[in-house]
């Protein structure tokens, strides 16, 4: 388990310093934060659909 954590430990600042050009830095930034944004969007979508379903179920019982 510790080996996996060591492999995943990536220092973005070092990669940005050693970047061949500005496009690499942009790609690094997008690749770092895009998964986080996608997961937040997915969590919101699941929350919204669960909330909508809860309201629909409550209205159908009445």
N, C-alpha and C. Protein backbone atom coordinates (compact mmCIF):
# COMPACT_ATOMS: atom_id res chain seq x y z
N UNK A 1 0.82 -1.19 0.00
CA UNK A 1 0.00 0.00 0.00
C UNK A 1 0.86 1.26 0.00
N UNK A 2 1.94 1.24 0.77
CA UNK A 2 2.82 2.41 0.82
C UNK A 2 3.50 2.65 -0.52
N UNK A 3 3.80 1.58 -1.23
CA UNK A 3 4.43 1.71 -2.54
C UNK A 3 3.49 2.42 -3.50
N UNK A 4 2.22 2.09 -3.45
CA UNK A 4 1.24 2.73 -4.31
C UNK A 4 1.14 4.23 -4.00
N UNK A 5 1.19 4.59 -2.73
CA UNK A 5 1.12 6.00 -2.36
C UNK A 5 2.36 6.75 -2.82
N UNK A 6 3.52 6.11 -2.78
CA UNK A 6 4.74 6.76 -3.24
C UNK A 6 4.72 6.97 -4.74
N UNK A 7 4.15 6.04 -5.46
CA UNK A 7 4.07 6.16 -6.91
C UNK A 7 3.12 7.29 -7.29
N UNK A 8 2.04 7.46 -6.54
CA UNK A 8 1.04 8.46 -6.86
C UNK A 8 1.45 9.86 -6.42
N UNK A 9 2.44 9.98 -5.58
CA UNK A 9 2.87 11.29 -5.10
C UNK A 9 3.60 12.02 -6.22
N UNK A 10 2.93 13.01 -6.81
CA UNK A 10 3.47 13.74 -7.95
C UNK A 10 3.60 15.20 -7.55
N UNK A 11 4.76 15.77 -7.78
CA UNK A 11 4.97 17.17 -7.48
C UNK A 11 4.75 17.97 -8.76
N UNK A 12 3.65 18.68 -8.82
CA UNK A 12 3.26 19.41 -10.02
C UNK A 12 4.20 20.59 -10.27
N UNK A 13 4.67 21.22 -9.21
CA UNK A 13 5.56 22.37 -9.37
C UNK A 13 6.86 21.97 -10.07
N UNK A 14 7.40 20.82 -9.72
CA UNK A 14 8.62 20.36 -10.38
C UNK A 14 8.37 20.08 -11.85
N UNK A 15 7.24 19.48 -12.15
CA UNK A 15 6.91 19.20 -13.55
C UNK A 15 6.74 20.49 -14.33
N UNK A 16 6.12 21.50 -13.72
CA UNK A 16 5.91 22.78 -14.40
C UNK A 16 7.25 23.48 -14.64
N UNK A 17 8.19 23.37 -13.69
CA UNK A 17 9.51 24.00 -13.87
C UNK A 17 10.28 23.34 -15.01
N UNK A 18 10.14 22.04 -15.14
CA UNK A 18 10.87 21.30 -16.17
C UNK A 18 10.09 21.16 -17.47
N UNK A 19 9.01 21.91 -17.61
CA UNK A 19 8.17 21.82 -18.81
C UNK A 19 8.91 22.35 -20.03
N UNK A 20 8.76 21.67 -21.16
CA UNK A 20 9.43 22.13 -22.37
C UNK A 20 8.85 23.44 -22.91
N UNK A 21 7.54 23.65 -22.74
CA UNK A 21 6.93 24.89 -23.21
C UNK A 21 5.66 25.17 -22.42
N UNK A 22 4.99 26.25 -22.74
CA UNK A 22 3.79 26.66 -22.01
C UNK A 22 2.61 25.72 -22.22
N UNK A 23 2.55 25.08 -23.37
CA UNK A 23 1.45 24.16 -23.63
C UNK A 23 1.48 22.97 -22.68
N UNK A 24 2.66 22.52 -22.34
CA UNK A 24 2.79 21.41 -21.40
C UNK A 24 2.25 21.81 -20.04
N UNK A 25 2.52 23.04 -19.63
CA UNK A 25 2.01 23.51 -18.34
C UNK A 25 0.50 23.59 -18.34
N UNK A 26 -0.08 24.04 -19.45
CA UNK A 26 -1.54 24.09 -19.55
C UNK A 26 -2.13 22.69 -19.48
N UNK A 27 -1.54 21.77 -20.20
CA UNK A 27 -2.00 20.38 -20.17
C UNK A 27 -1.86 19.76 -18.79
N UNK A 28 -0.79 20.10 -18.12
CA UNK A 28 -0.57 19.61 -16.76
C UNK A 28 -1.65 20.14 -15.81
N UNK A 29 -1.96 21.41 -15.94
CA UNK A 29 -2.99 22.02 -15.12
C UNK A 29 -4.36 21.39 -15.38
N UNK A 30 -4.70 21.23 -16.65
CA UNK A 30 -5.99 20.63 -17.02
C UNK A 30 -6.05 19.18 -16.55
N UNK A 31 -4.99 18.44 -16.76
CA UNK A 31 -4.98 17.04 -16.37
C UNK A 31 -5.02 16.83 -14.87
N UNK A 32 -4.59 17.83 -14.12
CA UNK A 32 -4.59 17.73 -12.67
C UNK A 32 -5.97 18.02 -12.09
N UNK A 33 -6.60 19.06 -12.60
CA UNK A 33 -7.85 19.51 -12.01
C UNK A 33 -9.11 19.01 -12.71
N UNK A 34 -9.00 18.53 -13.93
CA UNK A 34 -10.17 18.04 -14.65
C UNK A 34 -10.84 16.86 -13.95
N UNK A 35 -10.11 15.86 -13.46
CA UNK A 35 -10.79 14.77 -12.75
C UNK A 35 -11.55 15.25 -11.51
N UNK A 36 -11.01 16.22 -10.81
CA UNK A 36 -11.70 16.77 -9.64
C UNK A 36 -13.00 17.45 -10.06
N UNK A 37 -12.96 18.22 -11.12
CA UNK A 37 -14.15 18.92 -11.59
C UNK A 37 -15.21 17.91 -12.06
N UNK A 38 -14.78 16.86 -12.74
CA UNK A 38 -15.72 15.84 -13.21
C UNK A 38 -16.36 15.13 -12.02
N UNK A 39 -15.59 14.80 -11.00
CA UNK A 39 -16.16 14.14 -9.83
C UNK A 39 -17.13 15.04 -9.08
N UNK A 40 -16.84 16.33 -8.98
CA UNK A 40 -17.76 17.26 -8.34
C UNK A 40 -19.05 17.36 -9.15
N UNK A 41 -18.93 17.42 -10.47
CA UNK A 41 -20.11 17.46 -11.34
C UNK A 41 -20.95 16.20 -11.20
N UNK A 42 -20.31 15.05 -11.14
CA UNK A 42 -21.03 13.79 -10.97
C UNK A 42 -21.74 13.73 -9.62
N UNK A 43 -21.07 14.20 -8.58
CA UNK A 43 -21.69 14.22 -7.25
C UNK A 43 -22.91 15.14 -7.24
N UNK A 44 -22.82 16.28 -7.89
CA UNK A 44 -23.96 17.20 -7.95
C UNK A 44 -25.10 16.57 -8.74
N UNK A 45 -24.79 15.91 -9.85
CA UNK A 45 -25.82 15.25 -10.65
C UNK A 45 -26.54 14.17 -9.85
N UNK A 46 -25.79 13.37 -9.11
CA UNK A 46 -26.41 12.34 -8.29
C UNK A 46 -27.26 12.96 -7.18
N UNK A 47 -26.79 14.03 -6.58
CA UNK A 47 -27.55 14.73 -5.55
C UNK A 47 -28.85 15.28 -6.13
N UNK A 48 -28.75 15.93 -7.29
CA UNK A 48 -29.92 16.54 -7.91
C UNK A 48 -30.97 15.49 -8.28
N UNK A 49 -30.53 14.37 -8.86
CA UNK A 49 -31.50 13.33 -9.25
C UNK A 49 -32.12 12.67 -8.02
N UNK A 50 -31.34 12.47 -6.96
CA UNK A 50 -31.89 11.88 -5.74
C UNK A 50 -32.90 12.83 -5.10
N UNK A 51 -32.61 14.11 -5.11
CA UNK A 51 -33.52 15.10 -4.55
C UNK A 51 -34.81 15.17 -5.36
N UNK A 52 -34.67 15.13 -6.67
CA UNK A 52 -35.84 15.17 -7.55
C UNK A 52 -36.70 13.91 -7.35
N UNK A 53 -36.04 12.76 -7.21
CA UNK A 53 -36.77 11.51 -7.01
C UNK A 53 -37.49 11.53 -5.65
N UNK A 54 -36.86 12.08 -4.64
CA UNK A 54 -37.46 12.15 -3.32
C UNK A 54 -38.72 13.01 -3.36
N UNK A 55 -38.65 14.16 -4.05
CA UNK A 55 -39.82 15.03 -4.17
C UNK A 55 -40.92 14.37 -4.97
N UNK A 56 -40.57 13.62 -6.01
CA UNK A 56 -41.57 12.92 -6.83
C UNK A 56 -42.24 11.82 -6.02
N UNK A 57 -41.47 11.06 -5.25
CA UNK A 57 -42.04 10.00 -4.42
C UNK A 57 -42.96 10.59 -3.36
N UNK A 58 -42.60 11.71 -2.77
CA UNK A 58 -43.40 12.34 -1.75
C UNK A 58 -44.72 12.82 -2.35
N UNK A 59 -44.70 13.36 -3.57
CA UNK A 59 -45.92 13.83 -4.22
C UNK A 59 -46.82 12.68 -4.63
N UNK A 60 -46.25 11.54 -4.99
CA UNK A 60 -47.05 10.38 -5.41
C UNK A 60 -47.75 9.74 -4.23
N UNK A 61 -47.22 9.84 -3.03
CA UNK A 61 -47.84 9.23 -1.85
C UNK A 61 -49.08 10.01 -1.41
N UNK A 62 -49.12 11.27 -1.70
CA UNK A 62 -50.24 12.10 -1.25
C UNK A 62 -51.43 11.90 -2.08
